[in-house]
Amino acid sequence: MGFGFNLFFIFILIPLTIILLIAWLATKKNIYGKAVGFIWMGVVGLVMISLMIHATMAKKILKKEDFYGQYIVDRSYFRGKQTDWQYDNFRFEIKENDSIYLYVTNKDKIVKTFIGTVTTLKPYGSERLVVNMQQSRHHIFESNPTIYRSTWIFYLVFNSPRFGNMFFKKGQWSHR
């Protein structure tokens, strides 16, 4: 737990438990024993609730396998003609053999494919994606993506010199 919980445990909970146990042994009244039981059940219950909340609200820790899949432009951040055009003209796929395919498209027709490889770095708890293009670099992959994570999902943001930030999420491309 945290520092405050440790202080509560050492300076309040343990002394209170000792006092109540001594009072229970000295007076033989069950009320003191019940008080100790209720206090400890409450503390254990709060710890369990805290752990469950933390487990459901913590940011997703990414592993290399999490990056595999198809990505499309996320149109929920910015709406309009430019985003719709990007959605219809760019998407990419990361395959399990660590290859990446950037598809330049005209809606559902693939016009050109840029091929590269991906690796990951783990500077902290969650892995980061590194893109290495085999052929000429496309402006979308000028730099490695910034990864934004939430509880259940993540999205990749590439900083394109032509379009600025391009937000990609996992998903299948479909006609609008």
N, C-alpha and C. Protein backbone atom coordinates (compact mmCIF):
# COMPACT_ATOMS: atom_id res chain seq x y z
N MET A 1 0.84 -1.18 0.00
CA MET A 1 0.00 0.00 0.00
C MET A 1 0.89 1.24 0.00
N GLY A 2 0.37 2.33 0.51
CA GLY A 2 1.13 3.56 0.48
C GLY A 2 1.65 3.95 1.85
N PHE A 3 2.33 5.07 1.89
CA PHE A 3 2.93 5.57 3.11
C PHE A 3 1.90 5.85 4.18
N GLY A 4 0.76 6.45 3.79
CA GLY A 4 -0.30 6.75 4.74
C GLY A 4 -0.89 5.49 5.36
N PHE A 5 -1.06 4.45 4.55
CA PHE A 5 -1.57 3.19 5.08
C PHE A 5 -0.59 2.59 6.08
N ASN A 6 0.70 2.68 5.78
CA ASN A 6 1.71 2.17 6.71
C ASN A 6 1.66 2.91 8.05
N LEU A 7 1.51 4.23 8.00
CA LEU A 7 1.39 5.00 9.24
C LEU A 7 0.14 4.60 10.02
N PHE A 8 -0.97 4.46 9.32
CA PHE A 8 -2.22 4.03 9.96
C PHE A 8 -2.03 2.66 10.60
N PHE A 9 -1.40 1.76 9.88
CA PHE A 9 -1.20 0.39 10.36
C PHE A 9 -0.34 0.37 11.61
N ILE A 10 0.79 1.10 11.60
CA ILE A 10 1.74 1.07 12.73
C ILE A 10 1.24 1.85 13.93
N PHE A 11 0.70 3.04 13.72
CA PHE A 11 0.38 3.92 14.84
C PHE A 11 -1.06 3.86 15.31
N ILE A 12 -1.96 3.30 14.51
CA ILE A 12 -3.36 3.25 14.94
C ILE A 12 -3.87 1.82 15.03
N LEU A 13 -3.77 1.06 13.94
CA LEU A 13 -4.38 -0.26 13.89
C LEU A 13 -3.73 -1.25 14.87
N ILE A 14 -2.43 -1.36 14.85
CA ILE A 14 -1.74 -2.31 15.75
C ILE A 14 -1.96 -1.92 17.22
N PRO A 15 -1.73 -0.65 17.63
CA PRO A 15 -1.98 -0.32 19.04
C PRO A 15 -3.45 -0.53 19.45
N LEU A 16 -4.40 -0.17 18.58
CA LEU A 16 -5.81 -0.37 18.90
C LEU A 16 -6.12 -1.85 19.07
N THR A 17 -5.55 -2.68 18.19
CA THR A 17 -5.77 -4.12 18.29
C THR A 17 -5.20 -4.66 19.60
N ILE A 18 -3.99 -4.22 19.97
CA ILE A 18 -3.38 -4.69 21.23
C ILE A 18 -4.21 -4.26 22.43
N ILE A 19 -4.67 -3.00 22.43
CA ILE A 19 -5.49 -2.50 23.55
C ILE A 19 -6.79 -3.30 23.65
N LEU A 20 -7.46 -3.54 22.53
CA LEU A 20 -8.71 -4.30 22.55
C LEU A 20 -8.49 -5.75 22.96
N LEU A 21 -7.38 -6.36 22.54
CA LEU A 21 -7.09 -7.74 22.94
C LEU A 21 -6.80 -7.83 24.44
N ILE A 22 -6.06 -6.85 24.97
CA ILE A 22 -5.79 -6.83 26.42
C ILE A 22 -7.10 -6.64 27.19
N ALA A 23 -7.95 -5.73 26.70
CA ALA A 23 -9.24 -5.50 27.37
C ALA A 23 -10.09 -6.76 27.29
N TRP A 24 -10.05 -7.47 26.22
CA TRP A 24 -10.83 -8.70 26.05
C TRP A 24 -10.34 -9.78 27.01
N LEU A 25 -9.02 -9.92 27.11
CA LEU A 25 -8.46 -10.92 28.02
C LEU A 25 -8.71 -10.56 29.48
N ALA A 26 -8.66 -9.27 29.79
CA ALA A 26 -8.82 -8.84 31.19
C ALA A 26 -10.28 -8.94 31.64
N THR A 27 -11.21 -8.57 30.78
CA THR A 27 -12.62 -8.51 31.20
C THR A 27 -13.43 -9.72 30.77
N LYS A 28 -12.91 -10.48 29.82
CA LYS A 28 -13.63 -11.64 29.27
C LYS A 28 -14.95 -11.26 28.60
N LYS A 29 -15.07 -9.98 28.18
CA LYS A 29 -16.28 -9.54 27.48
C LYS A 29 -16.08 -9.71 25.98
N ASN A 30 -17.05 -10.36 25.35
CA ASN A 30 -16.94 -10.66 23.92
C ASN A 30 -16.98 -9.42 23.03
N ILE A 31 -17.47 -8.31 23.54
CA ILE A 31 -17.58 -7.11 22.72
C ILE A 31 -16.22 -6.66 22.21
N TYR A 32 -15.18 -6.83 23.02
CA TYR A 32 -13.83 -6.43 22.61
C TYR A 32 -13.30 -7.36 21.50
N GLY A 33 -13.55 -8.64 21.62
CA GLY A 33 -13.14 -9.59 20.59
C GLY A 33 -13.87 -9.34 19.27
N LYS A 34 -15.18 -9.04 19.39
CA LYS A 34 -15.94 -8.73 18.19
C LYS A 34 -15.44 -7.44 17.53
N ALA A 35 -15.07 -6.45 18.35
CA ALA A 35 -14.56 -5.19 17.81
C ALA A 35 -13.27 -5.43 17.02
N VAL A 36 -12.36 -6.26 17.58
CA VAL A 36 -11.12 -6.59 16.86
C VAL A 36 -11.46 -7.27 15.52
N GLY A 37 -12.38 -8.22 15.53
CA GLY A 37 -12.77 -8.92 14.31
C GLY A 37 -13.37 -7.99 13.28
N PHE A 38 -14.27 -7.11 13.71
CA PHE A 38 -14.90 -6.17 12.77
C PHE A 38 -13.88 -5.18 12.19
N ILE A 39 -12.98 -4.70 13.04
CA ILE A 39 -11.97 -3.75 12.56
C ILE A 39 -11.09 -4.42 11.50
N TRP A 40 -10.61 -5.63 11.78
CA TRP A 40 -9.73 -6.32 10.84
C TRP A 40 -10.48 -6.75 9.58
N MET A 41 -11.74 -7.14 9.71
CA MET A 41 -12.51 -7.47 8.50
C MET A 41 -12.69 -6.22 7.63
N GLY A 42 -12.91 -5.09 8.27
CA GLY A 42 -13.05 -3.84 7.53
C GLY A 42 -11.77 -3.45 6.81
N VAL A 43 -10.64 -3.58 7.50
CA VAL A 43 -9.36 -3.24 6.89
C VAL A 43 -9.05 -4.18 5.72
N VAL A 44 -9.25 -5.48 5.91
CA VAL A 44 -9.00 -6.45 4.84
C VAL A 44 -9.96 -6.18 3.67
N GLY A 45 -11.21 -5.88 3.97
CA GLY A 45 -12.17 -5.57 2.92
C GLY A 45 -11.77 -4.33 2.12
N LEU A 46 -11.32 -3.28 2.82
CA LEU A 46 -10.89 -2.07 2.12
C LEU A 46 -9.65 -2.33 1.26
N VAL A 47 -8.73 -3.15 1.76
CA VAL A 47 -7.55 -3.48 0.97
C VAL A 47 -7.96 -4.25 -0.29
N MET A 48 -8.88 -5.21 -0.14
CA MET A 48 -9.33 -5.99 -1.31
C MET A 48 -10.03 -5.09 -2.33
N ILE A 49 -10.88 -4.19 -1.88
CA ILE A 49 -11.56 -3.27 -2.79
C ILE A 49 -10.55 -2.37 -3.49
N SER A 50 -9.57 -1.89 -2.73
CA SER A 50 -8.52 -1.04 -3.31
C SER A 50 -7.74 -1.78 -4.39
N LEU A 51 -7.40 -3.03 -4.14
CA LEU A 51 -6.66 -3.82 -5.13
C LEU A 51 -7.50 -4.08 -6.37
N MET A 52 -8.79 -4.35 -6.20
CA MET A 52 -9.66 -4.57 -7.36
C MET A 52 -9.82 -3.31 -8.19
N ILE A 53 -9.99 -2.18 -7.53
CA ILE A 53 -10.12 -0.91 -8.26
C ILE A 53 -8.83 -0.61 -9.02
N HIS A 54 -7.70 -0.83 -8.37
CA HIS A 54 -6.42 -0.59 -9.04
C HIS A 54 -6.26 -1.50 -10.26
N ALA A 55 -6.64 -2.75 -10.12
CA ALA A 55 -6.50 -3.70 -11.23
C ALA A 55 -7.39 -3.32 -12.42
N THR A 56 -8.57 -2.77 -12.16
CA THR A 56 -9.47 -2.43 -13.26
C THR A 56 -9.22 -1.03 -13.82
N MET A 57 -8.54 -0.17 -13.08
CA MET A 57 -8.35 1.21 -13.53
C MET A 57 -6.92 1.50 -13.97
N ALA A 58 -5.99 0.59 -13.81
CA ALA A 58 -4.60 0.83 -14.18
C ALA A 58 -4.46 0.87 -15.69
N LYS A 59 -3.50 1.65 -16.16
CA LYS A 59 -3.25 1.72 -17.60
C LYS A 59 -2.75 0.37 -18.10
N LYS A 60 -3.08 0.08 -19.33
CA LYS A 60 -2.69 -1.18 -19.96
C LYS A 60 -1.17 -1.23 -20.09
N ILE A 61 -0.58 -2.32 -19.65
CA ILE A 61 0.85 -2.56 -19.81
C ILE A 61 1.02 -3.32 -21.13
N LEU A 62 1.73 -2.72 -22.07
CA LEU A 62 1.84 -3.29 -23.41
C LEU A 62 3.02 -4.24 -23.53
N LYS A 63 2.77 -5.35 -24.23
CA LYS A 63 3.81 -6.29 -24.62
C LYS A 63 3.88 -6.27 -26.14
N LYS A 64 4.93 -6.83 -26.68
CA LYS A 64 5.12 -6.81 -28.13
C LYS A 64 3.91 -7.40 -28.85
N GLU A 65 3.34 -8.46 -28.31
CA GLU A 65 2.20 -9.13 -28.96
C GLU A 65 0.98 -8.21 -29.07
N ASP A 66 0.88 -7.24 -28.18
CA ASP A 66 -0.27 -6.33 -28.21
C ASP A 66 -0.28 -5.44 -29.45
N PHE A 67 0.88 -5.24 -30.06
CA PHE A 67 0.97 -4.36 -31.22
C PHE A 67 0.53 -5.04 -32.51
N TYR A 68 0.51 -6.36 -32.54
CA TYR A 68 0.14 -7.07 -33.76
C TYR A 68 -1.31 -6.78 -34.13
N GLY A 69 -1.54 -6.51 -35.41
CA GLY A 69 -2.90 -6.26 -35.87
C GLY A 69 -2.95 -5.17 -36.92
N GLN A 70 -4.17 -4.81 -37.31
CA GLN A 70 -4.40 -3.79 -38.31
C GLN A 70 -4.75 -2.48 -37.62
N TYR A 71 -4.28 -1.37 -38.21
CA TYR A 71 -4.51 -0.05 -37.64
C TYR A 71 -5.13 0.87 -38.68
N ILE A 72 -6.05 1.68 -38.20
CA ILE A 72 -6.73 2.66 -39.05
C ILE A 72 -6.64 4.03 -38.38
N VAL A 73 -6.84 5.06 -39.17
CA VAL A 73 -6.86 6.41 -38.60
C VAL A 73 -8.08 6.53 -37.69
N ASP A 74 -7.84 7.02 -36.49
CA ASP A 74 -8.92 7.18 -35.51
C ASP A 74 -9.61 8.52 -35.78
N ARG A 75 -10.83 8.44 -36.26
CA ARG A 75 -11.57 9.66 -36.61
C ARG A 75 -12.33 10.25 -35.44
N SER A 76 -12.21 9.69 -34.27
CA SER A 76 -12.96 10.20 -33.12
C SER A 76 -12.28 11.42 -32.49
N TYR A 77 -10.98 11.63 -32.74
CA TYR A 77 -10.29 12.77 -32.14
C TYR A 77 -10.54 14.05 -32.90
N PHE A 78 -10.41 13.98 -34.22
CA PHE A 78 -10.65 15.14 -35.06
C PHE A 78 -11.60 14.71 -36.17
N ARG A 79 -12.63 15.48 -36.37
CA ARG A 79 -13.61 15.15 -37.40
C ARG A 79 -13.45 16.13 -38.56
N GLY A 80 -13.85 15.68 -39.74
CA GLY A 80 -13.82 16.57 -40.88
C GLY A 80 -13.24 15.91 -42.12
N LYS A 81 -13.13 16.70 -43.16
CA LYS A 81 -12.69 16.19 -44.45
C LYS A 81 -11.25 15.65 -44.40
N GLN A 82 -10.36 16.37 -43.70
CA GLN A 82 -8.97 15.94 -43.64
C GLN A 82 -8.83 14.57 -42.97
N THR A 83 -9.50 14.38 -41.87
CA THR A 83 -9.44 13.10 -41.16
C THR A 83 -10.07 12.00 -41.99
N ASP A 84 -11.20 12.28 -42.63
CA ASP A 84 -11.83 11.28 -43.49
C ASP A 84 -10.91 10.91 -44.65
N TRP A 85 -10.22 11.92 -45.22
CA TRP A 85 -9.29 11.64 -46.31
C TRP A 85 -8.14 10.77 -45.82
N GLN A 86 -7.58 11.07 -44.64
CA GLN A 86 -6.50 10.26 -44.08
C GLN A 86 -6.98 8.83 -43.84
N TYR A 87 -8.20 8.69 -43.32
CA TYR A 87 -8.77 7.37 -43.06
C TYR A 87 -8.85 6.56 -44.36
N ASP A 88 -9.25 7.20 -45.44
CA ASP A 88 -9.40 6.51 -46.72
C ASP A 88 -8.07 6.27 -47.44
N ASN A 89 -6.98 6.94 -47.01
CA ASN A 89 -5.73 6.86 -47.75
C ASN A 89 -4.55 6.24 -47.01
N PHE A 90 -4.67 5.99 -45.72
CA PHE A 90 -3.56 5.41 -44.97
C PHE A 90 -4.07 4.41 -43.94
N ARG A 91 -3.43 3.26 -43.92
CA ARG A 91 -3.63 2.29 -42.85
C ARG A 91 -2.41 1.40 -42.84
N PHE A 92 -2.19 0.72 -41.74
CA PHE A 92 -1.03 -0.17 -41.70
C PHE A 92 -1.35 -1.40 -40.88
N GLU A 93 -0.46 -2.38 -41.03
CA GLU A 93 -0.64 -3.66 -40.36
C GLU A 93 0.71 -4.10 -39.80
N ILE A 94 0.70 -4.59 -38.56
CA ILE A 94 1.90 -5.17 -37.95
C ILE A 94 1.62 -6.66 -37.80
N LYS A 95 2.48 -7.46 -38.44
CA LYS A 95 2.27 -8.91 -38.44
C LYS A 95 3.15 -9.58 -37.39
N GLU A 96 2.82 -10.83 -37.09
CA GLU A 96 3.51 -11.56 -36.03
C GLU A 96 4.96 -11.88 -36.36
N ASN A 97 5.37 -11.74 -37.62
CA ASN A 97 6.78 -11.93 -37.98
C ASN A 97 7.56 -10.62 -37.84
N ASP A 98 6.98 -9.66 -37.11
CA ASP A 98 7.57 -8.35 -36.82
C ASP A 98 7.76 -7.49 -38.07
N SER A 99 6.93 -7.68 -39.07
CA SER A 99 6.96 -6.82 -40.25
C SER A 99 5.80 -5.84 -40.17
N ILE A 100 6.03 -4.69 -40.77
CA ILE A 100 4.99 -3.67 -40.80
C ILE A 100 4.75 -3.29 -42.25
N TYR A 101 3.50 -3.16 -42.60
CA TYR A 101 3.10 -2.81 -43.96
C TYR A 101 2.24 -1.55 -43.89
N LEU A 102 2.77 -0.46 -44.43
CA LEU A 102 1.99 0.77 -44.54
C LEU A 102 1.33 0.76 -45.91
N TYR A 103 0.02 0.83 -45.92
CA TYR A 103 -0.74 0.81 -47.16
C TYR A 103 -1.19 2.23 -47.49
N VAL A 104 -0.75 2.73 -48.64
CA VAL A 104 -1.28 3.97 -49.18
C VAL A 104 -2.41 3.53 -50.08
N THR A 105 -3.61 4.00 -49.80
CA THR A 105 -4.80 3.46 -50.46
C THR A 105 -5.63 4.55 -51.11
N ASN A 106 -6.54 4.10 -51.92
CA ASN A 106 -7.61 4.94 -52.43
C ASN A 106 -8.89 4.22 -52.01
N LYS A 107 -9.32 4.53 -50.82
CA LYS A 107 -10.43 3.83 -50.15
C LYS A 107 -10.08 2.36 -49.98
N ASP A 108 -10.75 1.44 -50.66
CA ASP A 108 -10.47 0.02 -50.44
C ASP A 108 -9.40 -0.53 -51.36
N LYS A 109 -8.86 0.27 -52.28
CA LYS A 109 -7.84 -0.19 -53.21
C LYS A 109 -6.45 0.23 -52.71
N ILE A 110 -5.52 -0.73 -52.60
CA ILE A 110 -4.16 -0.44 -52.17
C ILE A 110 -3.36 0.08 -53.37
N VAL A 111 -2.83 1.30 -53.24
CA VAL A 111 -2.09 1.94 -54.31
C VAL A 111 -0.59 1.63 -54.18
N LYS A 112 -0.06 1.70 -52.96
CA LYS A 112 1.36 1.47 -52.74
C LYS A 112 1.54 0.88 -51.34
N THR A 113 2.55 0.04 -51.19
CA THR A 113 2.84 -0.58 -49.90
C THR A 113 4.28 -0.27 -49.51
N PHE A 114 4.47 0.23 -48.30
CA PHE A 114 5.79 0.44 -47.73
C PHE A 114 6.01 -0.65 -46.70
N ILE A 115 7.17 -1.31 -46.78
CA ILE A 115 7.44 -2.45 -45.91
C ILE A 115 8.58 -2.11 -44.96
N GLY A 116 8.45 -2.58 -43.74
CA GLY A 116 9.49 -2.38 -42.74
C GLY A 116 9.41 -3.43 -41.66
N THR A 117 10.16 -3.23 -40.61
CA THR A 117 10.13 -4.14 -39.47
C THR A 117 9.87 -3.33 -38.20
N VAL A 118 9.45 -4.04 -37.18
CA VAL A 118 9.22 -3.40 -35.89
C VAL A 118 9.99 -4.15 -34.81
N THR A 119 10.41 -3.41 -33.84
CA THR A 119 10.98 -3.97 -32.61
C THR A 119 10.36 -3.17 -31.47
N THR A 120 10.65 -3.58 -30.28
CA THR A 120 10.15 -2.84 -29.14
C THR A 120 11.28 -2.57 -28.16
N LEU A 121 11.13 -1.51 -27.43
CA LEU A 121 12.01 -1.16 -26.32
C LEU A 121 11.18 -1.20 -25.05
N LYS A 122 11.82 -1.50 -23.95
CA LYS A 122 11.09 -1.52 -22.69
C LYS A 122 11.83 -0.62 -21.68
N PRO A 123 11.71 0.71 -21.88
CA PRO A 123 12.42 1.60 -20.95
C PRO A 123 11.77 1.63 -19.57
N TYR A 124 10.51 1.33 -19.50
CA TYR A 124 9.77 1.31 -18.24
C TYR A 124 8.95 0.03 -18.21
N GLY A 125 7.79 0.02 -17.61
CA GLY A 125 6.98 -1.18 -17.51
C GLY A 125 6.34 -1.61 -18.82
N SER A 126 5.99 -0.67 -19.66
CA SER A 126 5.28 -0.96 -20.90
C SER A 126 6.23 -0.83 -22.09
N GLU A 127 6.08 -1.72 -23.07
CA GLU A 127 6.97 -1.68 -24.22
C GLU A 127 6.60 -0.56 -25.19
N ARG A 128 7.60 -0.05 -25.89
CA ARG A 128 7.44 1.02 -26.87
C ARG A 128 7.77 0.48 -28.26
N LEU A 129 7.06 0.96 -29.26
CA LEU A 129 7.22 0.48 -30.63
C LEU A 129 8.31 1.27 -31.35
N VAL A 130 9.19 0.54 -32.07
CA VAL A 130 10.23 1.15 -32.90
C VAL A 130 10.02 0.66 -34.32
N VAL A 131 9.88 1.58 -35.27
CA VAL A 131 9.62 1.25 -36.67
C VAL A 131 10.89 1.47 -37.48
N ASN A 132 11.27 0.45 -38.24
CA ASN A 132 12.43 0.52 -39.15
C ASN A 132 11.94 0.21 -40.56
N MET A 133 12.00 1.20 -41.43
CA MET A 133 11.54 0.99 -42.81
C MET A 133 12.69 0.47 -43.67
N GLN A 134 12.38 -0.52 -44.51
CA GLN A 134 13.40 -1.12 -45.37
C GLN A 134 13.64 -0.28 -46.61
N GLN A 135 12.59 0.30 -47.14
CA GLN A 135 12.74 1.13 -48.32
C GLN A 135 12.72 2.59 -47.89
N SER A 136 12.49 3.46 -48.84
CA SER A 136 12.44 4.88 -48.51
C SER A 136 11.39 5.11 -47.43
N ARG A 137 11.72 5.97 -46.52
CA ARG A 137 10.84 6.23 -45.38
C ARG A 137 9.65 7.06 -45.82
N HIS A 138 8.49 6.67 -45.36
CA HIS A 138 7.27 7.43 -45.62
C HIS A 138 7.16 8.51 -44.56
N HIS A 139 6.54 9.64 -44.90
CA HIS A 139 6.47 10.75 -43.95
C HIS A 139 5.72 10.40 -42.67
N ILE A 140 4.82 9.44 -42.69
CA ILE A 140 4.12 9.05 -41.46
C ILE A 140 5.08 8.41 -40.49
N PHE A 141 6.05 7.65 -41.00
CA PHE A 141 6.99 6.94 -40.14
C PHE A 141 8.33 7.68 -40.00
N GLU A 142 8.30 9.01 -40.09
CA GLU A 142 9.52 9.79 -39.88
C GLU A 142 10.09 9.57 -38.48
N SER A 143 9.21 9.36 -37.53
CA SER A 143 9.66 9.10 -36.15
C SER A 143 8.82 7.97 -35.57
N ASN A 144 9.27 7.43 -34.49
CA ASN A 144 8.53 6.37 -33.82
C ASN A 144 7.28 6.95 -33.18
N PRO A 145 6.25 6.15 -33.03
CA PRO A 145 4.99 6.70 -32.51
C PRO A 145 5.04 6.98 -31.01
N THR A 146 4.23 7.92 -30.62
CA THR A 146 3.94 8.11 -29.21
C THR A 146 2.75 7.21 -28.90
N ILE A 147 2.81 6.54 -27.77
CA ILE A 147 1.75 5.59 -27.42
C ILE A 147 0.97 6.16 -26.24
N TYR A 148 -0.34 6.24 -26.43
CA TYR A 148 -1.22 6.67 -25.36
C TYR A 148 -2.04 5.48 -24.92
N ARG A 149 -2.01 5.21 -23.63
CA ARG A 149 -2.69 4.03 -23.08
C ARG A 149 -3.79 4.46 -22.14
N SER A 150 -4.85 3.67 -22.13
CA SER A 150 -5.88 3.83 -21.11
C SER A 150 -6.04 2.48 -20.44
N THR A 151 -7.14 2.27 -19.78
CA THR A 151 -7.34 1.04 -19.04
C THR A 151 -7.37 -0.18 -19.94
N TRP A 152 -8.11 -0.11 -21.03
CA TRP A 152 -8.31 -1.28 -21.87
C TRP A 152 -7.70 -1.17 -23.26
N ILE A 153 -7.47 0.04 -23.74
CA ILE A 153 -7.02 0.23 -25.12
C ILE A 153 -5.78 1.11 -25.17
N PHE A 154 -5.21 1.20 -26.35
CA PHE A 154 -4.11 2.12 -26.59
C PHE A 154 -4.23 2.62 -28.03
N TYR A 155 -3.58 3.72 -28.31
CA TYR A 155 -3.52 4.19 -29.69
C TYR A 155 -2.14 4.77 -29.96
N LEU A 156 -1.77 4.77 -31.22
CA LEU A 156 -0.46 5.23 -31.66
C LEU A 156 -0.61 6.58 -32.35
N VAL A 157 0.28 7.50 -32.04
CA VAL A 157 0.25 8.82 -32.67
C VAL A 157 1.58 9.03 -33.38
N PHE A 158 1.51 9.15 -34.71
CA PHE A 158 2.68 9.43 -35.52
C PHE A 158 2.69 10.91 -35.86
N ASN A 159 3.85 11.54 -35.75
CA ASN A 159 3.97 12.95 -36.06
C ASN A 159 4.46 13.09 -37.50
N SER A 160 3.52 13.33 -38.40
CA SER A 160 3.83 13.48 -39.81
C SER A 160 4.17 14.94 -40.10
N PRO A 161 5.27 15.19 -40.82
CA PRO A 161 5.59 16.58 -41.16
C PRO A 161 4.54 17.22 -42.07
N ARG A 162 3.79 16.41 -42.81
CA ARG A 162 2.77 16.94 -43.71
C ARG A 162 1.43 17.18 -43.02
N PHE A 163 1.05 16.27 -42.12
CA PHE A 163 -0.30 16.34 -41.54
C PHE A 163 -0.32 16.62 -40.05
N GLY A 164 0.84 16.69 -39.42
CA GLY A 164 0.85 16.85 -37.96
C GLY A 164 0.62 15.49 -37.31
N ASN A 165 -0.02 15.48 -36.17
CA ASN A 165 -0.26 14.23 -35.46
C ASN A 165 -1.35 13.42 -36.15
N MET A 166 -1.03 12.15 -36.40
CA MET A 166 -2.00 11.22 -36.99
C MET A 166 -2.27 10.14 -35.96
N PHE A 167 -3.52 10.01 -35.57
CA PHE A 167 -3.94 9.08 -34.52
C PHE A 167 -4.40 7.77 -35.17
N PHE A 168 -3.77 6.67 -34.77
CA PHE A 168 -4.14 5.35 -35.28
C PHE A 168 -4.61 4.48 -34.13
N LYS A 169 -5.64 3.69 -34.40
CA LYS A 169 -6.12 2.71 -33.44
C LYS A 169 -6.26 1.38 -34.14
N LYS A 170 -6.32 0.31 -33.37
CA LYS A 170 -6.52 -1.00 -33.95
C LYS A 170 -7.93 -1.07 -34.50
N GLY A 171 -8.07 -1.69 -35.67
CA GLY A 171 -9.39 -1.84 -36.25
C GLY A 171 -9.33 -2.22 -37.70
N GLN A 172 -10.45 -2.61 -38.22
CA GLN A 172 -10.62 -2.99 -39.62
C GLN A 172 -11.10 -1.77 -40.39
N TRP A 173 -10.53 -1.53 -41.56
CA TRP A 173 -11.01 -0.45 -42.40
C TRP A 173 -12.35 -0.87 -43.01
N SER A 174 -13.28 0.05 -43.07
CA SER A 174 -14.56 -0.24 -43.72
C SER A 174 -15.06 1.05 -44.38
N HIS A 175 -15.94 0.87 -45.34
CA HIS A 175 -16.56 2.03 -45.98
C HIS A 175 -17.36 2.78 -44.95
N ARG A 176 -17.34 4.11 -45.08
CA ARG A 176 -18.11 4.93 -44.14
C ARG A 176 -19.54 4.95 -44.52
